[in-house]
Amino acid sequence: MSILSSLRIAASAMRAQRSRMDVLTSNIANIDSTRTAEGGAYRRRQVVFTAMPGGLRQFFTLLRNADQPDFGRLAMSGTGVQRIAVDQSPLKQVLDPQHPDADPVTGIVEFPNVDLVTEMTDMLAATRSYEASVTALNAAKTMALRALDIARG
């Protein structure tokens, strides 16, 4: 794996975690939104990640051939966002006949299926993952700079 590949992998992980943080921020911002443009209460969204081309299958193929000279060329190229999934779990229902979005017959209001504790926990995990990717990026950068120093002199 080249140093540039290391930089690409770390950068793709940082982009993926940034997307995750954006979705989590949107979930938190809409925690009380009972009306959306699509109609009904806001539904929680989640980022679905995917491995970039290359991935695990080629990694294990290379692992089986560990005694071959090209073993060091791993085929992983990072992580990406496959899609943003809408959580279809039931919405919270609260009896509040005075609410403007209450059902006129039952008086029930549907609130988003967003749990603040879950969102904050996920945000913390995304932040930690982002920080780990920054550390990996800095390590690759340091290796590249040291390689240049060795080549110079």
Protein backbone atom coordinates (compact mmCIF):
# COMPACT_ATOMS: atom_id res chain seq x y z
CA MET A 1 0.00 0.00 0.00
CA SER A 2 1.46 3.34 -1.00
CA ILE A 3 1.51 6.46 1.13
CA LEU A 4 -0.93 8.10 -1.29
CA SER A 5 -3.34 5.18 -0.77
CA SER A 6 -3.08 5.73 2.98
CA LEU A 7 -3.94 9.39 2.49
CA ARG A 8 -6.91 8.50 0.25
CA ILE A 9 -8.26 5.94 2.71
CA ALA A 10 -8.01 8.34 5.66
CA ALA A 11 -9.60 11.15 3.63
CA SER A 12 -12.50 8.92 2.52
CA ALA A 13 -13.10 7.89 6.13
CA MET A 14 -13.12 11.55 7.17
CA ARG A 15 -15.66 12.40 4.43
CA ALA A 16 -17.85 9.47 5.47
CA GLN A 17 -17.83 10.46 9.14
CA ARG A 18 -18.53 14.08 8.20
CA SER A 19 -21.62 12.91 6.30
CA ARG A 20 -22.64 10.89 9.34
CA MET A 21 -22.26 13.95 11.59
CA ASP A 22 -24.34 16.05 9.16
CA VAL A 23 -27.18 13.50 9.27
CA LEU A 24 -26.99 13.26 13.07
CA THR A 25 -27.12 17.06 13.30
CA SER A 26 -30.22 17.07 11.11
CA ASN A 27 -31.84 14.41 13.31
CA ILE A 28 -31.17 16.46 16.45
CA ALA A 29 -32.40 19.68 14.81
CA ASN A 30 -35.67 17.99 13.83
CA ILE A 31 -36.31 16.21 17.12
CA ASP A 32 -39.62 18.09 17.58
CA SER A 33 -40.65 18.49 13.91
CA THR A 34 -44.19 17.18 13.58
CA ARG A 35 -44.65 18.43 10.04
CA THR A 36 -42.35 17.96 7.04
CA ALA A 37 -42.58 18.76 3.34
CA GLU A 38 -43.28 15.07 2.66
CA GLY A 39 -46.11 15.14 5.19
CA GLY A 40 -46.16 13.75 8.70
CA ALA A 41 -43.51 13.87 11.38
CA TYR A 42 -39.79 13.83 10.67
CA ARG A 43 -38.26 10.36 10.55
CA ARG A 44 -34.77 9.60 11.78
CA ARG A 45 -32.13 9.16 9.10
CA GLN A 46 -29.03 6.99 9.17
CA VAL A 47 -25.96 6.85 6.95
CA VAL A 48 -25.26 3.49 5.32
CA PHE A 49 -21.56 3.04 4.59
CA THR A 50 -19.96 0.90 1.92
CA ALA A 51 -16.41 -0.22 1.28
CA MET A 52 -14.90 1.37 -1.79
CA PRO A 53 -13.93 -0.88 -4.73
CA GLY A 54 -11.17 -3.29 -3.95
CA GLY A 55 -12.27 -4.18 -0.50
CA LEU A 56 -12.28 -7.30 1.59
CA ARG A 57 -12.46 -10.00 -1.10
CA GLN A 58 -9.23 -8.87 -2.73
CA PHE A 59 -7.65 -8.45 0.69
CA PHE A 60 -8.28 -12.12 1.55
CA THR A 61 -7.13 -13.23 -1.90
CA LEU A 62 -3.87 -11.43 -1.23
CA LEU A 63 -3.70 -12.90 2.27
CA ARG A 64 -3.92 -16.43 0.84
CA ASN A 65 -0.98 -15.53 -1.40
CA ALA A 66 1.11 -13.98 1.38
CA ASP A 67 4.26 -15.68 0.15
CA GLN A 68 3.99 -13.96 -3.25
CA PRO A 69 6.11 -10.86 -4.02
CA ASP A 70 3.10 -8.54 -4.52
CA PHE A 71 1.59 -9.28 -1.10
CA GLY A 72 2.11 -5.68 0.06
CA ARG A 73 -0.33 -4.26 -2.51
CA LEU A 74 -3.59 -4.33 -0.57
CA ALA A 75 -6.74 -3.58 -2.54
CA MET A 76 -8.60 -1.45 -0.03
CA SER A 77 -9.41 2.09 -1.05
CA GLY A 78 -11.54 3.44 1.77
CA THR A 79 -15.10 3.98 2.89
CA GLY A 80 -17.95 5.83 1.27
CA VAL A 81 -21.58 6.69 1.87
CA GLN A 82 -23.83 4.27 0.03
CA ARG A 83 -27.09 5.99 0.93
CA ILE A 84 -29.06 7.81 3.61
CA ALA A 85 -31.68 5.44 5.01
CA VAL A 86 -34.93 6.60 6.60
CA ASP A 87 -35.74 4.79 9.85
CA GLN A 88 -39.19 3.22 9.52
CA SER A 89 -39.60 2.43 13.22
CA PRO A 90 -42.85 3.69 14.76
CA LEU A 91 -43.21 7.38 15.51
CA LYS A 92 -43.87 8.52 19.08
CA GLN A 93 -47.56 9.15 19.67
CA VAL A 94 -48.71 11.68 22.24
CA LEU A 95 -52.27 12.63 23.15
CA ASP A 96 -52.45 16.43 22.74
CA PRO A 97 -55.73 17.58 21.16
CA GLN A 98 -54.62 21.24 21.36
CA HIS A 99 -51.55 20.69 19.15
CA PRO A 100 -51.96 22.13 15.62
CA ASP A 101 -50.82 18.84 14.06
CA ALA A 102 -53.07 16.62 16.19
CA ASP A 103 -55.37 14.18 14.44
CA PRO A 104 -58.80 15.86 14.52
CA VAL A 105 -60.59 12.64 15.54
CA THR A 106 -58.21 11.07 18.07
CA GLY A 107 -56.20 14.11 19.24
CA ILE A 108 -52.96 12.15 18.83
CA VAL A 109 -49.82 13.88 17.59
CA GLU A 110 -47.02 11.89 15.98
CA PHE A 111 -43.53 13.02 16.97
CA PRO A 112 -40.24 12.00 15.32
CA ASN A 113 -38.66 8.64 16.15
CA VAL A 114 -35.48 10.45 17.19
CA ASP A 115 -33.93 9.75 20.59
CA LEU A 116 -31.56 12.49 21.76
CA VAL A 117 -29.37 10.13 23.82
CA THR A 118 -28.91 7.80 20.84
CA GLU A 119 -28.09 10.68 18.51
CA MET A 120 -25.57 12.19 20.93
CA THR A 121 -23.92 8.80 21.46
CA ASP A 122 -23.69 8.30 17.70
CA MET A 123 -22.30 11.82 17.33
CA LEU A 124 -19.59 11.04 19.88
CA ALA A 125 -18.70 7.82 18.01
CA ALA A 126 -18.59 9.67 14.68
CA THR A 127 -16.37 12.36 16.18
CA ARG A 128 -13.99 9.74 17.57
CA SER A 129 -13.87 7.96 14.21
CA TYR A 130 -13.14 11.26 12.48
CA GLU A 131 -10.34 11.99 14.96
CA ALA A 132 -8.85 8.53 14.38
CA SER A 133 -8.85 9.20 10.64
CA VAL A 134 -7.11 12.54 11.21
CA THR A 135 -4.46 10.71 13.25
CA ALA A 136 -3.99 8.17 10.43
CA LEU A 137 -3.76 10.98 7.88
CA ASN A 138 -1.13 12.78 9.97
CA ALA A 139 0.86 9.55 10.37
CA ALA A 140 0.84 9.01 6.59
CA LYS A 141 1.89 12.62 6.04
CA THR A 142 4.75 12.21 8.53
CA MET A 143 5.90 9.03 6.76
CA ALA A 144 5.83 10.82 3.40
CA LEU A 145 7.87 13.72 4.76
CA ARG A 146 10.42 11.37 6.31
CA ALA A 147 10.69 9.44 3.04
CA LEU A 148 11.40 12.72 1.24
CA ASP A 149 14.05 13.60 3.84
CA ILE A 150 15.70 10.20 3.32
CA ALA A 151 15.62 10.67 -0.46
CA ARG A 152 17.23 14.11 -0.15
CA GLY A 153 20.04 13.12 1.88
